[in-house]
Structures are given as C-alpha cells and as structure tokens.
Amino acid sequence: MSVSAAQADAFYREVLTSRTVWTVRDADGFPAPMTPTGQRAQPFWSKQSRAQRIVDAVPAYAEMEIVEIPLVDWRERWLPGLERDGLLVGINWSGRNATGYDRSPADVLRILDTRDSMGG
C-alpha cells in the first residue's frame, strides 16, 4: 500500500471514530492549491496532530490556523459546497510538500457512507 493509500485509509477510519475533520485557514480563507492534475483541492485531515505537522513543516502553511469541523457538518454542508465549487478533497496530506490523495467530494461521501454503514 502506498503512503497516500495508507493516509487515505487512516483518514476514513479516524474520521468515523472521532466524528471530526480538520482543515486550515488564514486571513484570506481556506486554501485550495492547484494539484498536479490542474484541479484545486482543499486539504482536510483526520486528526488535529496531522494538520499541525503540516503547519509546522510546510512554509506555505506556516501562518495557518487549524480549524475543527464536526463530521456531520462536513458531510452535510462542506462536501456539497466543495462539489458545487468544483474543488477536490485533499485527504490527510503529508510530507514536506503536503501531498496525498485528492478525491471528488461525491467519492469521499460515498466512501464515508459505505464505511459508516459497515461500522467504520
């Protein structure tokens, strides 16, 4: 399993356990950097500590504030909003370049719903 695949698996498992999602923002709002595929993705993490590692290690995120989002709000409001805005979901980005899997909001919701119905 690749690092990105392991991070994605951990994301779904940890989010369904904690019922919380984390992202970052600064004075300009929530970042949605361009991905290598030419689409924009907003990063989300399954633990505050994962987001903190990126804030601490990646210069572009150094001034960011970590934001907690209840899973129910993320599912019901954030994911549909990201879909409407044409943004991807960055899943547990890690490393010096803050990279990982980027999925469509619809795919993320489908995976969450499937795992949730199976008990995580």
C-alpha atoms as a PDB file:
ATOM      1  CA  MET A   1       0.000   0.000   0.000  1.00  0.00           C
ATOM      2  CA  SER A   2       1.387   3.419  -0.949  1.00  0.00           C
ATOM      3  CA  VAL A   3       1.838   6.171   1.625  1.00  0.00           C
ATOM      4  CA  SER A   4      -1.093   8.081   0.081  1.00  0.00           C
ATOM      5  CA  ALA A   5      -3.311   4.978   0.194  1.00  0.00           C
ATOM      6  CA  ALA A   6      -2.373   4.361   3.834  1.00  0.00           C
ATOM      7  CA  GLN A   7      -3.104   8.014   4.672  1.00  0.00           C
ATOM      8  CA  ALA A   8      -6.493   7.794   2.934  1.00  0.00           C
ATOM      9  CA  ASP A   9      -7.394   4.596   4.783  1.00  0.00           C
ATOM     10  CA  ALA A  10      -6.413   6.219   8.082  1.00  0.00           C
ATOM     11  CA  PHE A  11      -8.450   9.310   7.188  1.00  0.00           C
ATOM     12  CA  TYR A  12     -11.717   7.408   6.808  1.00  0.00           C
ATOM     13  CA  ARG A  13     -11.103   5.202   9.832  1.00  0.00           C
ATOM     14  CA  GLU A  14     -10.106   8.063  12.148  1.00  0.00           C
ATOM     15  CA  VAL A  15     -12.817  10.458  10.976  1.00  0.00           C
ATOM     16  CA  LEU A  16     -15.514   7.864  11.543  1.00  0.00           C
ATOM     17  CA  THR A  17     -14.145   7.183  15.030  1.00  0.00           C
ATOM     18  CA  SER A  18     -13.664  10.790  16.162  1.00  0.00           C
ATOM     19  CA  ARG A  19     -16.596  12.245  14.143  1.00  0.00           C
ATOM     20  CA  THR A  20     -14.342  15.244  13.447  1.00  0.00           C
ATOM     21  CA  VAL A  21     -12.469  16.622  10.424  1.00  0.00           C
ATOM     22  CA  TRP A  22      -9.696  19.241  10.481  1.00  0.00           C
ATOM     23  CA  THR A  23      -8.630  21.861   7.950  1.00  0.00           C
ATOM     24  CA  VAL A  24      -6.630  25.089   7.944  1.00  0.00           C
ATOM     25  CA  ARG A  25      -7.303  28.726   7.133  1.00  0.00           C
ATOM     26  CA  ASP A  26      -5.623  32.101   7.177  1.00  0.00           C
ATOM     27  CA  ALA A  27      -6.827  35.699   6.842  1.00  0.00           C
ATOM     28  CA  ASP A  28      -7.655  35.044   3.175  1.00  0.00           C
ATOM     29  CA  GLY A  29      -9.776  31.978   3.930  1.00  0.00           C
ATOM     30  CA  PHE A  30      -9.363  28.281   3.296  1.00  0.00           C
ATOM     31  CA  PRO A  31      -6.573  27.243   0.913  1.00  0.00           C
ATOM     32  CA  ALA A  32      -7.302  25.252  -2.219  1.00  0.00           C
ATOM     33  CA  PRO A  33      -3.975  24.887  -4.023  1.00  0.00           C
ATOM     34  CA  MET A  34      -3.661  23.624  -7.561  1.00  0.00           C
ATOM     35  CA  THR A  35      -2.954  19.902  -7.795  1.00  0.00           C
ATOM     36  CA  PRO A  36      -0.649  18.265 -10.369  1.00  0.00           C
ATOM     37  CA  THR A  37      -3.784  17.399 -12.381  1.00  0.00           C
ATOM     38  CA  GLY A  38      -4.709  21.066 -12.739  1.00  0.00           C
ATOM     39  CA  GLN A  39      -7.641  20.974 -10.328  1.00  0.00           C
ATOM     40  CA  ARG A  40      -7.866  22.711  -6.978  1.00  0.00           C
ATOM     41  CA  ALA A  41      -8.130  20.727  -3.746  1.00  0.00           C
ATOM     42  CA  GLN A  42      -8.844  21.834  -0.212  1.00  0.00           C
ATOM     43  CA  PRO A  43      -6.881  19.837   2.363  1.00  0.00           C
ATOM     44  CA  PHE A  44      -8.530  18.029   5.270  1.00  0.00           C
ATOM     45  CA  TRP A  45      -7.066  15.839   7.998  1.00  0.00           C
ATOM     46  CA  SER A  46      -8.482  13.210  10.311  1.00  0.00           C
ATOM     47  CA  LYS A  47      -6.573  14.415  13.369  1.00  0.00           C
ATOM     48  CA  GLN A  48      -5.519  17.805  14.658  1.00  0.00           C
ATOM     49  CA  SER A  49      -1.975  16.480  15.066  1.00  0.00           C
ATOM     50  CA  ARG A  50      -1.796  15.607  11.349  1.00  0.00           C
ATOM     51  CA  ALA A  51      -2.815  19.153  10.400  1.00  0.00           C
ATOM     52  CA  GLN A  52      -0.352  20.559  12.930  1.00  0.00           C
ATOM     53  CA  ARG A  53       2.526  18.620  11.342  1.00  0.00           C
ATOM     54  CA  ILE A  54       1.791  20.320   8.007  1.00  0.00           C
ATOM     55  CA  VAL A  55       1.511  23.768   9.606  1.00  0.00           C
ATOM     56  CA  ASP A  56       4.850  23.158  11.341  1.00  0.00           C
ATOM     57  CA  ALA A  57       6.699  21.678   8.345  1.00  0.00           C
ATOM     58  CA  VAL A  58       5.365  23.320   5.175  1.00  0.00           C
ATOM     59  CA  PRO A  59       6.234  27.015   4.752  1.00  0.00           C
ATOM     60  CA  ALA A  60       3.075  27.777   2.743  1.00  0.00           C
ATOM     61  CA  TYR A  61       1.001  26.655   5.744  1.00  0.00           C
ATOM     62  CA  ALA A  62       3.113  28.235   8.499  1.00  0.00           C
ATOM     63  CA  GLU A  63       0.672  31.068   9.263  1.00  0.00           C
ATOM     64  CA  MET A  64      -2.434  28.910   9.045  1.00  0.00           C
ATOM     65  CA  GLU A  65      -4.892  28.343  11.876  1.00  0.00           C
ATOM     66  CA  ILE A  66      -6.193  24.804  12.383  1.00  0.00           C
ATOM     67  CA  VAL A  67      -9.996  24.523  12.233  1.00  0.00           C
ATOM     68  CA  GLU A  68     -12.131  21.727  13.688  1.00  0.00           C
ATOM     69  CA  ILE A  69     -15.278  20.681  11.798  1.00  0.00           C
ATOM     70  CA  PRO A  70     -17.871  18.238  13.189  1.00  0.00           C
ATOM     71  CA  LEU A  71     -18.247  15.324  10.751  1.00  0.00           C
ATOM     72  CA  VAL A  72     -22.000  15.860  10.407  1.00  0.00           C
ATOM     73  CA  ASP A  73     -21.442  19.470   9.266  1.00  0.00           C
ATOM     74  CA  TRP A  74     -18.669  18.403   6.931  1.00  0.00           C
ATOM     75  CA  ARG A  75     -20.859  15.772   5.317  1.00  0.00           C
ATOM     76  CA  GLU A  76     -23.980  17.909   5.058  1.00  0.00           C
ATOM     77  CA  ARG A  77     -22.544  21.342   4.225  1.00  0.00           C
ATOM     78  CA  TRP A  78     -18.861  21.267   3.324  1.00  0.00           C
ATOM     79  CA  LEU A  79     -18.823  18.354   0.874  1.00  0.00           C
ATOM     80  CA  PRO A  80     -21.812  19.641  -1.145  1.00  0.00           C
ATOM     81  CA  GLY A  81     -20.219  23.120  -1.164  1.00  0.00           C
ATOM     82  CA  LEU A  82     -16.896  21.747  -2.381  1.00  0.00           C
ATOM     83  CA  GLU A  83     -18.740  19.826  -5.099  1.00  0.00           C
ATOM     84  CA  ARG A  84     -20.602  22.984  -6.212  1.00  0.00           C
ATOM     85  CA  ASP A  85     -17.319  24.923  -6.280  1.00  0.00           C
ATOM     86  CA  GLY A  86     -15.570  22.231  -8.326  1.00  0.00           C
ATOM     87  CA  LEU A  87     -12.961  21.528  -5.633  1.00  0.00           C
ATOM     88  CA  LEU A  88     -11.424  18.200  -4.719  1.00  0.00           C
ATOM     89  CA  VAL A  89     -10.909  16.941  -1.169  1.00  0.00           C
ATOM     90  CA  GLY A  90      -7.247  16.638  -0.174  1.00  0.00           C
ATOM     91  CA  ILE A  91      -7.096  13.637   2.158  1.00  0.00           C
ATOM     92  CA  ASN A  92      -4.563  13.601   5.025  1.00  0.00           C
ATOM     93  CA  TRP A  93      -1.905  15.383   3.009  1.00  0.00           C
ATOM     94  CA  SER A  94       1.514  14.707   4.464  1.00  0.00           C
ATOM     95  CA  GLY A  95       5.216  15.269   3.913  1.00  0.00           C
ATOM     96  CA  ARG A  96       7.293  18.329   3.094  1.00  0.00           C
ATOM     97  CA  ASN A  97       5.134  19.128   0.076  1.00  0.00           C
ATOM     98  CA  ALA A  98       1.760  18.433   1.741  1.00  0.00           C
ATOM     99  CA  THR A  99       0.612  15.879  -0.810  1.00  0.00           C
ATOM    100  CA  GLY A 100      -1.668  12.867  -0.903  1.00  0.00           C
ATOM    101  CA  TYR A 101      -4.866  11.639  -2.485  1.00  0.00           C
ATOM    102  CA  ASP A 102      -7.326  14.144  -3.899  1.00  0.00           C
ATOM    103  CA  ARG A 103     -10.859  12.809  -4.343  1.00  0.00           C
ATOM    104  CA  SER A 104     -14.114  14.299  -5.512  1.00  0.00           C
ATOM    105  CA  PRO A 105     -16.461  15.263  -2.670  1.00  0.00           C
ATOM    106  CA  ALA A 106     -19.007  12.761  -4.025  1.00  0.00           C
ATOM    107  CA  ASP A 107     -16.428   9.936  -3.833  1.00  0.00           C
ATOM    108  CA  VAL A 108     -15.450  10.908  -0.288  1.00  0.00           C
ATOM    109  CA  LEU A 109     -19.095  10.953   0.821  1.00  0.00           C
ATOM    110  CA  ARG A 110     -19.756   7.584  -0.827  1.00  0.00           C
ATOM    111  CA  ILE A 111     -16.731   6.007   0.871  1.00  0.00           C
ATOM    112  CA  LEU A 112     -17.666   7.505   4.243  1.00  0.00           C
ATOM    113  CA  ASP A 113     -21.261   6.291   3.913  1.00  0.00           C
ATOM    114  CA  THR A 114     -20.138   2.788   2.912  1.00  0.00           C
ATOM    115  CA  ARG A 115     -17.617   2.504   5.753  1.00  0.00           C
ATOM    116  CA  ASP A 116     -20.019   4.055   8.249  1.00  0.00           C
ATOM    117  CA  SER A 117     -22.740   1.524   7.390  1.00  0.00           C
ATOM    118  CA  MET A 118     -20.178  -1.264   7.903  1.00  0.00           C
ATOM    119  CA  GLY A 119     -19.188   0.097  11.297  1.00  0.00           C
ATOM    120  CA  GLY A 120     -16.051   2.025  10.300  1.00  0.00           C
END
